[in-house]
Amino acid sequence: GFSRHGDFTIKEAQLLERHGHAFNDLDLGKREPVTEEEKLFVAVCRGEREPVTDAERVWSKYMTRIKRPKRFHTLSGGKPQVEGAEDYTEADD
């Protein structure tokens, strides 16, 4: 889980494991905010305010981590290839 990933503290990992689905639903608008805390959380997700609570901070941190480009290494030492890139060529009709 998150605790073994290294980017999150144990407390942050526990918050994400316990409430991650609810955070995600609020962030995506699948769930309407009910409490004032949830309304403030959604405002953070929309960029309308800075994260203040532990939940807001860990969700912002999580979203930053998953949006960061993933690095990968090849064993061949060559440049990474984009799968299917040669399938899309421009044709003059």
PDB file of N, CA and C in Angstrom:
ATOM      1  N   GLY A   1       0.803  -1.187   0.000  1.00  0.00           N
ATOM      2  CA  GLY A   1       0.000   0.000   0.000  1.00  0.00           C
ATOM      3  C   GLY A   1       0.849   1.255   0.000  1.00  0.00           C
ATOM      4  N   PHE A   2       0.235   2.341   0.394  1.00  0.00           N
ATOM      5  CA  PHE A   2       0.904   3.638   0.380  1.00  0.00           C
ATOM      6  C   PHE A   2       2.073   3.693   1.349  1.00  0.00           C
ATOM      7  N   SER A   3       1.965   2.974   2.470  1.00  0.00           N
ATOM      8  CA  SER A   3       3.006   3.046   3.496  1.00  0.00           C
ATOM      9  C   SER A   3       4.336   2.486   3.004  1.00  0.00           C
ATOM     10  N   ARG A   4       4.299   1.578   2.029  1.00  0.00           N
ATOM     11  CA  ARG A   4       5.533   1.004   1.499  1.00  0.00           C
ATOM     12  C   ARG A   4       6.078   1.791   0.320  1.00  0.00           C
ATOM     13  N   HIS A   5       5.309   2.736  -0.178  1.00  0.00           N
ATOM     14  CA  HIS A   5       5.695   3.479  -1.373  1.00  0.00           C
ATOM     15  C   HIS A   5       6.849   4.428  -1.118  1.00  0.00           C
ATOM     16  N   GLY A   6       6.909   5.024   0.071  1.00  0.00           N
ATOM     17  CA  GLY A   6       8.008   5.915   0.407  1.00  0.00           C
ATOM     18  C   GLY A   6       7.697   7.390   0.279  1.00  0.00           C
ATOM     19  N   ASP A   7       6.653   7.748  -0.456  1.00  0.00           N
ATOM     20  CA  ASP A   7       6.296   9.158  -0.620  1.00  0.00           C
ATOM     21  C   ASP A   7       5.450   9.679   0.534  1.00  0.00           C
ATOM     22  N   PHE A   8       4.839   8.773   1.291  1.00  0.00           N
ATOM     23  CA  PHE A   8       3.886   9.165   2.321  1.00  0.00           C
ATOM     24  C   PHE A   8       4.309   8.656   3.691  1.00  0.00           C
ATOM     25  N   THR A   9       4.012   9.457   4.715  1.00  0.00           N
ATOM     26  CA  THR A   9       4.249   9.016   6.086  1.00  0.00           C
ATOM     27  C   THR A   9       3.218   7.943   6.430  1.00  0.00           C
ATOM     28  N   ILE A  10       3.412   7.275   7.547  1.00  0.00           N
ATOM     29  CA  ILE A  10       2.450   6.256   7.981  1.00  0.00           C
ATOM     30  C   ILE A  10       1.079   6.892   8.184  1.00  0.00           C
ATOM     31  N   LYS A  11       1.047   8.064   8.822  1.00  0.00           N
ATOM     32  CA  LYS A  11      -0.221   8.753   9.067  1.00  0.00           C
ATOM     33  C   LYS A  11      -0.910   9.119   7.749  1.00  0.00           C
ATOM     34  N   GLU A  12      -0.136   9.624   6.784  1.00  0.00           N
ATOM     35  CA  GLU A  12      -0.708   9.984   5.483  1.00  0.00           C
ATOM     36  C   GLU A  12      -1.228   8.748   4.763  1.00  0.00           C
ATOM     37  N   ALA A  13      -0.463   7.666   4.812  1.00  0.00           N
ATOM     38  CA  ALA A  13      -0.868   6.422   4.160  1.00  0.00           C
ATOM     39  C   ALA A  13      -2.175   5.904   4.753  1.00  0.00           C
ATOM     40  N   GLN A  14      -2.294   5.980   6.082  1.00  0.00           N
ATOM     41  CA  GLN A  14      -3.524   5.522   6.740  1.00  0.00           C
ATOM     42  C   GLN A  14      -4.719   6.376   6.318  1.00  0.00           C
ATOM     43  N   LEU A  15      -4.527   7.688   6.224  1.00  0.00           N
ATOM     44  CA  LEU A  15      -5.605   8.579   5.780  1.00  0.00           C
ATOM     45  C   LEU A  15      -6.055   8.214   4.366  1.00  0.00           C
ATOM     46  N   LEU A  16      -5.100   7.995   3.477  1.00  0.00           N
ATOM     47  CA  LEU A  16      -5.438   7.643   2.095  1.00  0.00           C
ATOM     48  C   LEU A  16      -6.121   6.285   2.011  1.00  0.00           C
ATOM     49  N   GLU A  17      -5.635   5.319   2.792  1.00  0.00           N
ATOM     50  CA  GLU A  17      -6.229   3.986   2.760  1.00  0.00           C
ATOM     51  C   GLU A  17      -7.652   3.989   3.317  1.00  0.00           C
ATOM     52  N   ARG A  18      -7.889   4.792   4.352  1.00  0.00           N
ATOM     53  CA  ARG A  18      -9.220   4.840   4.980  1.00  0.00           C
ATOM     54  C   ARG A  18     -10.215   5.688   4.199  1.00  0.00           C
ATOM     55  N   HIS A  19      -9.745   6.812   3.657  1.00  0.00           N
ATOM     56  CA  HIS A  19     -10.674   7.795   3.094  1.00  0.00           C
ATOM     57  C   HIS A  19     -10.442   8.104   1.619  1.00  0.00           C
ATOM     58  N   GLY A  20      -9.516   7.403   0.991  1.00  0.00           N
ATOM     59  CA  GLY A  20      -9.165   7.694  -0.395  1.00  0.00           C
ATOM     60  C   GLY A  20     -10.334   7.653  -1.362  1.00  0.00           C
ATOM     61  N   HIS A  21     -11.219   6.664  -1.208  1.00  0.00           N
ATOM     62  CA  HIS A  21     -12.373   6.563  -2.109  1.00  0.00           C
ATOM     63  C   HIS A  21     -13.300   7.765  -1.938  1.00  0.00           C
ATOM     64  N   ALA A  22     -13.526   8.173  -0.700  1.00  0.00           N
ATOM     65  CA  ALA A  22     -14.379   9.339  -0.437  1.00  0.00           C
ATOM     66  C   ALA A  22     -13.720  10.607  -0.979  1.00  0.00           C
ATOM     67  N   PHE A  23     -12.399  10.748  -0.750  1.00  0.00           N
ATOM     68  CA  PHE A  23     -11.677  11.913  -1.273  1.00  0.00           C
ATOM     69  C   PHE A  23     -11.817  11.970  -2.791  1.00  0.00           C
ATOM     70  N   ASN A  24     -11.628  10.827  -3.439  1.00  0.00           N
ATOM     71  CA  ASN A  24     -11.699  10.762  -4.896  1.00  0.00           C
ATOM     72  C   ASN A  24     -13.097  11.117  -5.400  1.00  0.00           C
ATOM     73  N   ASP A  25     -14.125  10.569  -4.753  1.00  0.00           N
ATOM     74  CA  ASP A  25     -15.503  10.856  -5.160  1.00  0.00           C
ATOM     75  C   ASP A  25     -15.836  12.332  -5.010  1.00  0.00           C
ATOM     76  N   LEU A  26     -15.374  12.944  -3.925  1.00  0.00           N
ATOM     77  CA  LEU A  26     -15.591  14.380  -3.735  1.00  0.00           C
ATOM     78  C   LEU A  26     -14.840  15.175  -4.802  1.00  0.00           C
ATOM     79  N   ASP A  27     -13.607  14.794  -5.056  1.00  0.00           N
ATOM     80  CA  ASP A  27     -12.771  15.484  -6.037  1.00  0.00           C
ATOM     81  C   ASP A  27     -13.382  15.414  -7.430  1.00  0.00           C
ATOM     82  N   LEU A  28     -13.907  14.255  -7.814  1.00  0.00           N
ATOM     83  CA  LEU A  28     -14.469  14.059  -9.149  1.00  0.00           C
ATOM     84  C   LEU A  28     -15.917  14.521  -9.272  1.00  0.00           C
ATOM     85  N   GLY A  29     -16.526  14.935  -8.152  1.00  0.00           N
ATOM     86  CA  GLY A  29     -17.918  15.372  -8.182  1.00  0.00           C
ATOM     87  C   GLY A  29     -18.912  14.224  -8.203  1.00  0.00           C
ATOM     88  N   LYS A  30     -18.453  13.014  -7.926  1.00  0.00           N
ATOM     89  CA  LYS A  30     -19.350  11.851  -7.873  1.00  0.00           C
ATOM     90  C   LYS A  30     -20.170  11.862  -6.595  1.00  0.00           C
ATOM     91  N   ARG A  31     -19.692  12.621  -5.623  1.00  0.00           N
ATOM     92  CA  ARG A  31     -20.363  12.713  -4.324  1.00  0.00           C
ATOM     93  C   ARG A  31     -20.447  14.185  -3.955  1.00  0.00           C
ATOM     94  N   GLU A  32     -21.621  14.622  -3.558  1.00  0.00           N
ATOM     95  CA  GLU A  32     -21.808  16.014  -3.142  1.00  0.00           C
ATOM     96  C   GLU A  32     -21.269  16.210  -1.733  1.00  0.00           C
ATOM     97  N   PRO A  33     -20.570  17.315  -1.492  1.00  0.00           N
ATOM     98  CA  PRO A  33     -20.104  17.585  -0.127  1.00  0.00           C
ATOM     99  C   PRO A  33     -21.285  17.867   0.792  1.00  0.00           C
ATOM    100  N   VAL A  34     -21.272  17.261   1.968  1.00  0.00           N
ATOM    101  CA  VAL A  34     -22.367  17.416   2.922  1.00  0.00           C
ATOM    102  C   VAL A  34     -21.957  18.332   4.067  1.00  0.00           C
ATOM    103  N   THR A  35     -20.810  18.046   4.660  1.00  0.00           N
ATOM    104  CA  THR A  35     -20.356  18.828   5.811  1.00  0.00           C
ATOM    105  C   THR A  35     -19.548  20.040   5.341  1.00  0.00           C
ATOM    106  N   GLU A  36     -19.326  20.967   6.251  1.00  0.00           N
ATOM    107  CA  GLU A  36     -18.499  22.134   5.937  1.00  0.00           C
ATOM    108  C   GLU A  36     -17.078  21.687   5.584  1.00  0.00           C
ATOM    109  N   GLU A  37     -16.579  20.686   6.306  1.00  0.00           N
ATOM    110  CA  GLU A  37     -15.238  20.157   6.038  1.00  0.00           C
ATOM    111  C   GLU A  37     -15.132  19.619   4.609  1.00  0.00           C
ATOM    112  N   GLU A  38     -16.180  18.914   4.154  1.00  0.00           N
ATOM    113  CA  GLU A  38     -16.185  18.382   2.788  1.00  0.00           C
ATOM    114  C   GLU A  38     -16.264  19.507   1.761  1.00  0.00           C
ATOM    115  N   LYS A  39     -17.041  20.550   2.066  1.00  0.00           N
ATOM    116  CA  LYS A  39     -17.144  21.699   1.147  1.00  0.00           C
ATOM    117  C   LYS A  39     -15.796  22.395   1.003  1.00  0.00           C
ATOM    118  N   LEU A  40     -15.080  22.536   2.114  1.00  0.00           N
ATOM    119  CA  LEU A  40     -13.753  23.150   2.079  1.00  0.00           C
ATOM    120  C   LEU A  40     -12.767  22.251   1.324  1.00  0.00           C
ATOM    121  N   PHE A  41     -12.895  20.939   1.507  1.00  0.00           N
ATOM    122  CA  PHE A  41     -12.050  19.970   0.801  1.00  0.00           C
ATOM    123  C   PHE A  41     -12.228  20.115  -0.712  1.00  0.00           C
ATOM    124  N   VAL A  42     -13.476  20.211  -1.156  1.00  0.00           N
ATOM    125  CA  VAL A  42     -13.764  20.365  -2.588  1.00  0.00           C
ATOM    126  C   VAL A  42     -13.180  21.678  -3.111  1.00  0.00           C
ATOM    127  N   ALA A  43     -13.238  22.730  -2.302  1.00  0.00           N
ATOM    128  CA  ALA A  43     -12.649  24.014  -2.707  1.00  0.00           C
ATOM    129  C   ALA A  43     -11.141  23.869  -2.927  1.00  0.00           C
ATOM    130  N   VAL A  44     -10.487  23.063  -2.101  1.00  0.00           N
ATOM    131  CA  VAL A  44      -9.053  22.801  -2.286  1.00  0.00           C
ATOM    132  C   VAL A  44      -8.840  22.039  -3.594  1.00  0.00           C
ATOM    133  N   CYS A  45      -9.666  21.043  -3.847  1.00  0.00           N
ATOM    134  CA  CYS A  45      -9.551  20.248  -5.076  1.00  0.00           C
ATOM    135  C   CYS A  45      -9.697  21.120  -6.318  1.00  0.00           C
ATOM    136  N   ARG A  46     -10.524  22.145  -6.235  1.00  0.00           N
ATOM    137  CA  ARG A  46     -10.760  23.054  -7.365  1.00  0.00           C
ATOM    138  C   ARG A  46      -9.719  24.160  -7.452  1.00  0.00           C
ATOM    139  N   GLY A  47      -8.804  24.188  -6.494  1.00  0.00           N
ATOM    140  CA  GLY A  47      -7.772  25.214  -6.499  1.00  0.00           C
ATOM    141  C   GLY A  47      -8.232  26.557  -5.979  1.00  0.00           C
ATOM    142  N   GLU A  48      -9.365  26.570  -5.274  1.00  0.00           N
ATOM    143  CA  GLU A  48      -9.933  27.818  -4.762  1.00  0.00           C
ATOM    144  C   GLU A  48      -9.336  28.224  -3.424  1.00  0.00           C
ATOM    145  N   ARG A  49      -8.684  27.301  -2.753  1.00  0.00           N
ATOM    146  CA  ARG A  49      -8.017  27.608  -1.485  1.00  0.00           C
ATOM    147  C   ARG A  49      -6.869  26.636  -1.263  1.00  0.00           C
ATOM    148  N   GLU A  50      -5.955  27.032  -0.399  1.00  0.00           N
ATOM    149  CA  GLU A  50      -4.801  26.194  -0.077  1.00  0.00           C
ATOM    150  C   GLU A  50      -5.214  25.102   0.912  1.00  0.00           C
ATOM    151  N   PRO A  51      -4.584  23.928   0.838  1.00  0.00           N
ATOM    152  CA  PRO A  51      -4.900  22.869   1.802  1.00  0.00           C
ATOM    153  C   PRO A  51      -4.475  23.256   3.214  1.00  0.00           C
ATOM    154  N   VAL A  52      -5.364  22.994   4.177  1.00  0.00           N
ATOM    155  CA  VAL A  52      -5.110  23.339   5.574  1.00  0.00           C
ATOM    156  C   VAL A  52      -5.139  22.091   6.455  1.00  0.00           C
ATOM    157  N   THR A  53      -6.163  21.269   6.299  1.00  0.00           N
ATOM    158  CA  THR A  53      -6.308  20.081   7.143  1.00  0.00           C
ATOM    159  C   THR A  53      -5.377  18.967   6.659  1.00  0.00           C
ATOM    160  N   ASP A  54      -5.187  17.965   7.511  1.00  0.00           N
ATOM    161  CA  ASP A  54      -4.370  16.809   7.125  1.00  0.00           C
ATOM    162  C   ASP A  54      -4.937  16.141   5.873  1.00  0.00           C
ATOM    163  N   ALA A  55      -6.259  15.997   5.820  1.00  0.00           N
ATOM    164  CA  ALA A  55      -6.903  15.353   4.672  1.00  0.00           C
ATOM    165  C   ALA A  55      -6.646  16.148   3.391  1.00  0.00           C
ATOM    166  N   GLU A  56      -6.791  17.463   3.471  1.00  0.00           N
ATOM    167  CA  GLU A  56      -6.571  18.309   2.293  1.00  0.00           C
ATOM    168  C   GLU A  56      -5.117  18.247   1.836  1.00  0.00           C
ATOM    169  N   ARG A  57      -4.203  18.277   2.796  1.00  0.00           N
ATOM    170  CA  ARG A  57      -2.774  18.248   2.451  1.00  0.00           C
ATOM    171  C   ARG A  57      -2.371  16.912   1.831  1.00  0.00           C
ATOM    172  N   VAL A  58      -2.842  15.813   2.420  1.00  0.00           N
ATOM    173  CA  VAL A  58      -2.442  14.504   1.894  1.00  0.00           C
ATOM    174  C   VAL A  58      -3.071  14.254   0.524  1.00  0.00           C
ATOM    175  N   TRP A  59      -4.301  14.710   0.301  1.00  0.00           N
ATOM    176  CA  TRP A  59      -4.921  14.515  -1.013  1.00  0.00           C
ATOM    177  C   TRP A  59      -4.198  15.352  -2.073  1.00  0.00           C
ATOM    178  N   SER A  60      -3.830  16.563  -1.729  1.00  0.00           N
ATOM    179  CA  SER A  60      -3.071  17.409  -2.661  1.00  0.00           C
ATOM    180  C   SER A  60      -1.727  16.764  -2.992  1.00  0.00           C
ATOM    181  N   LYS A  61      -1.081  16.232  -1.975  1.00  0.00           N
ATOM    182  CA  LYS A  61       0.206  15.557  -2.160  1.00  0.00           C
ATOM    183  C   LYS A  61       0.033  14.325  -3.048  1.00  0.00           C
ATOM    184  N   TYR A  62      -1.019  13.550  -2.785  1.00  0.00           N
ATOM    185  CA  TYR A  62      -1.303  12.356  -3.573  1.00  0.00           C
ATOM    186  C   TYR A  62      -1.542  12.718  -5.039  1.00  0.00           C
ATOM    187  N   MET A  63      -2.367  13.741  -5.274  1.00  0.00           N
ATOM    188  CA  MET A  63      -2.672  14.140  -6.645  1.00  0.00           C
ATOM    189  C   MET A  63      -1.413  14.621  -7.366  1.00  0.00           C
ATOM    190  N   THR A  64      -0.545  15.322  -6.660  1.00  0.00           N
ATOM    191  CA  THR A  64       0.722  15.766  -7.249  1.00  0.00           C
ATOM    192  C   THR A  64       1.563  14.562  -7.647  1.00  0.00           C
ATOM    193  N   ARG A  65       1.610  13.547  -6.788  1.00  0.00           N
ATOM    194  CA  ARG A  65       2.420  12.352  -7.064  1.00  0.00           C
ATOM    195  C   ARG A  65       1.887  11.569  -8.262  1.00  0.00           C
ATOM    196  N   ILE A  66       0.570  11.426  -8.376  1.00  0.00           N
ATOM    197  CA  ILE A  66       0.059  10.604  -9.479  1.00  0.00           C
ATOM    198  C   ILE A  66       0.071  11.345 -10.807  1.00  0.00           C
ATOM    199  N   LYS A  67       0.134  12.663 -10.772  1.00  0.00           N
ATOM    200  CA  LYS A  67       0.179  13.429 -12.022  1.00  0.00           C
ATOM    201  C   LYS A  67       1.599  13.615 -12.534  1.00  0.00           C
ATOM    202  N   ARG A  68       2.582  13.310 -11.718  1.00  0.00           N
ATOM    203  CA  ARG A  68       3.984  13.468 -12.108  1.00  0.00           C
ATOM    204  C   ARG A  68       4.329  12.382 -13.130  1.00  0.00           C
ATOM    205  N   PRO A  69       5.065  12.735 -14.176  1.00  0.00           N
ATOM    206  CA  PRO A  69       5.417  11.717 -15.181  1.00  0.00           C
ATOM    207  C   PRO A  69       6.216  10.580 -14.555  1.00  0.00           C
ATOM    208  N   LYS A  70       5.886   9.387 -14.963  1.00  0.00           N
ATOM    209  CA  LYS A  70       6.570   8.216 -14.423  1.00  0.00           C
ATOM    210  C   LYS A  70       7.881   8.014 -15.176  1.00  0.00           C
ATOM    211  N   ARG A  71       8.932   7.739 -14.426  1.00  0.00           N
ATOM    212  CA  ARG A  71      10.219   7.426 -15.032  1.00  0.00           C
ATOM    213  C   ARG A  71      10.325   5.920 -15.154  1.00  0.00           C
ATOM    214  N   PHE A  72      10.875   5.490 -16.254  1.00  0.00           N
ATOM    215  CA  PHE A  72      11.139   4.064 -16.365  1.00  0.00           C
ATOM    216  C   PHE A  72      12.476   3.883 -17.055  1.00  0.00           C
ATOM    217  N   HIS A  73      13.086   2.764 -16.787  1.00  0.00           N
ATOM    218  CA  HIS A  73      14.413   2.485 -17.314  1.00  0.00           C
ATOM    219  C   HIS A  73      14.339   1.302 -18.256  1.00  0.00           C
ATOM    220  N   THR A  74      15.120   1.394 -19.322  1.00  0.00           N
ATOM    221  CA  THR A  74      15.185   0.264 -20.237  1.00  0.00           C
ATOM    222  C   THR A  74      16.433  -0.542 -19.920  1.00  0.00           C
ATOM    223  N   LEU A  75      16.398  -1.807 -20.211  1.00  0.00           N
ATOM    224  CA  LEU A  75      17.558  -2.659 -19.997  1.00  0.00           C
ATOM    225  C   LEU A  75      18.500  -2.619 -21.194  1.00  0.00           C
ATOM    226  N   SER A  76      17.983  -2.192 -22.341  1.00  0.00           N
ATOM    227  CA  SER A  76      18.797  -2.181 -23.554  1.00  0.00           C
ATOM    228  C   SER A  76      19.712  -0.970 -23.636  1.00  0.00           C
ATOM    229  N   GLY A  77      19.409   0.068 -22.882  1.00  0.00           N
ATOM    230  CA  GLY A  77      20.214   1.277 -22.927  1.00  0.00           C
ATOM    231  C   GLY A  77      19.810   2.207 -24.056  1.00  0.00           C
ATOM    232  N   GLY A  78      18.869   1.779 -24.879  1.00  0.00           N
ATOM    233  CA  GLY A  78      18.406   2.613 -25.986  1.00  0.00           C
ATOM    234  C   GLY A  78      17.341   3.584 -25.526  1.00  0.00           C
ATOM    235  N   LYS A  79      16.906   4.399 -26.472  1.00  0.00           N
ATOM    236  CA  LYS A  79      15.840   5.346 -26.148  1.00  0.00           C
ATOM    237  C   LYS A  79      14.527   4.588 -26.005  1.00  0.00           C
ATOM    238  N   PRO A  80      13.677   5.006 -25.057  1.00  0.00           N
ATOM    239  CA  PRO A  80      12.375   4.344 -24.912  1.00  0.00           C
ATOM    240  C   PRO A  80      11.530   4.572 -26.162  1.00  0.00           C
ATOM    241  N   GLN A  81      10.833   3.560 -26.565  1.00  0.00           N
ATOM    242  CA  GLN A  81       9.974   3.659 -27.735  1.00  0.00           C
ATOM    243  C   GLN A  81       8.531   3.830 -27.295  1.00  0.00           C
ATOM    244  N   VAL A  82       7.788   4.653 -28.025  1.00  0.00           N
ATOM    245  CA  VAL A  82       6.367   4.815 -27.755  1.00  0.00           C
ATOM    246  C   VAL A  82       5.648   3.773 -28.587  1.00  0.00           C
ATOM    247  N   GLU A  83       4.931   2.917 -27.917  1.00  0.00           N
ATOM    248  CA  GLU A  83       4.252   1.827 -28.591  1.00  0.00           C
ATOM    249  C   GLU A  83       3.188   2.373 -29.535  1.00  0.00           C
ATOM    250  N   GLY A  84       3.198   1.913 -30.771  1.00  0.00           N
ATOM    251  CA  GLY A  84       2.180   2.320 -31.723  1.00  0.00           C
ATOM    252  C   GLY A  84       2.441   3.655 -32.392  1.00  0.00           C
ATOM    253  N   ALA A  85       3.566   4.288 -32.138  1.00  0.00           N
ATOM    254  CA  ALA A  85       3.840   5.612 -32.696  1.00  0.00           C
ATOM    255  C   ALA A  85       3.907   5.570 -34.218  1.00  0.00           C
ATOM    256  N   GLU A  86       4.431   4.467 -34.770  1.00  0.00           N
ATOM    257  CA  GLU A  86       4.560   4.387 -36.222  1.00  0.00           C
ATOM    258  C   GLU A  86       3.220   4.126 -36.910  1.00  0.00           C
ATOM    259  N   ASP A  87       2.190   3.803 -36.158  1.00  0.00           N
ATOM    260  CA  ASP A  87       0.877   3.547 -36.735  1.00  0.00           C
ATOM    261  C   ASP A  87       0.166   4.822 -37.165  1.00  0.00           C
ATOM    262  N   TYR A  88       0.611   5.952 -36.678  1.00  0.00           N
ATOM    263  CA  TYR A  88      -0.075   7.206 -36.941  1.00  0.00           C
ATOM    264  C   TYR A  88       0.771   8.074 -37.856  1.00  0.00           C
ATOM    265  N   THR A  89       0.603   7.890 -39.148  1.00  0.00           N
ATOM    266  CA  THR A  89       1.331   8.707 -40.112  1.00  0.00           C
ATOM    267  C   THR A  89       0.329   9.550 -40.873  1.00  0.00           C
ATOM    268  N   GLU A  90       0.781  10.718 -41.308  1.00  0.00           N
ATOM    269  CA  GLU A  90      -0.108  11.583 -42.073  1.00  0.00           C
ATOM    270  C   GLU A  90      -0.152  11.090 -43.505  1.00  0.00           C
ATOM    271  N   ALA A  91      -1.327  11.025 -44.060  1.00  0.00           N
ATOM    272  CA  ALA A  91      -1.484  10.594 -45.440  1.00  0.00           C
ATOM    273  C   ALA A  91      -2.128  11.717 -46.235  1.00  0.00           C
ATOM    274  N   ASP A  92      -1.623  11.923 -47.432  1.00  0.00           N
ATOM    275  CA  ASP A  92      -2.225  12.924 -48.318  1.00  0.00           C
ATOM    276  C   ASP A  92      -3.304  12.247 -49.134  1.00  0.00           C
ATOM    277  N   ASP A  93      -4.545  12.652 -48.939  1.00  0.00           N
ATOM    278  CA  ASP A  93      -5.655  12.036 -49.678  1.00  0.00           C
ATOM    279  C   ASP A  93      -6.013  12.849 -50.884  1.00  0.00           C
TER     280      ASP A  93
END
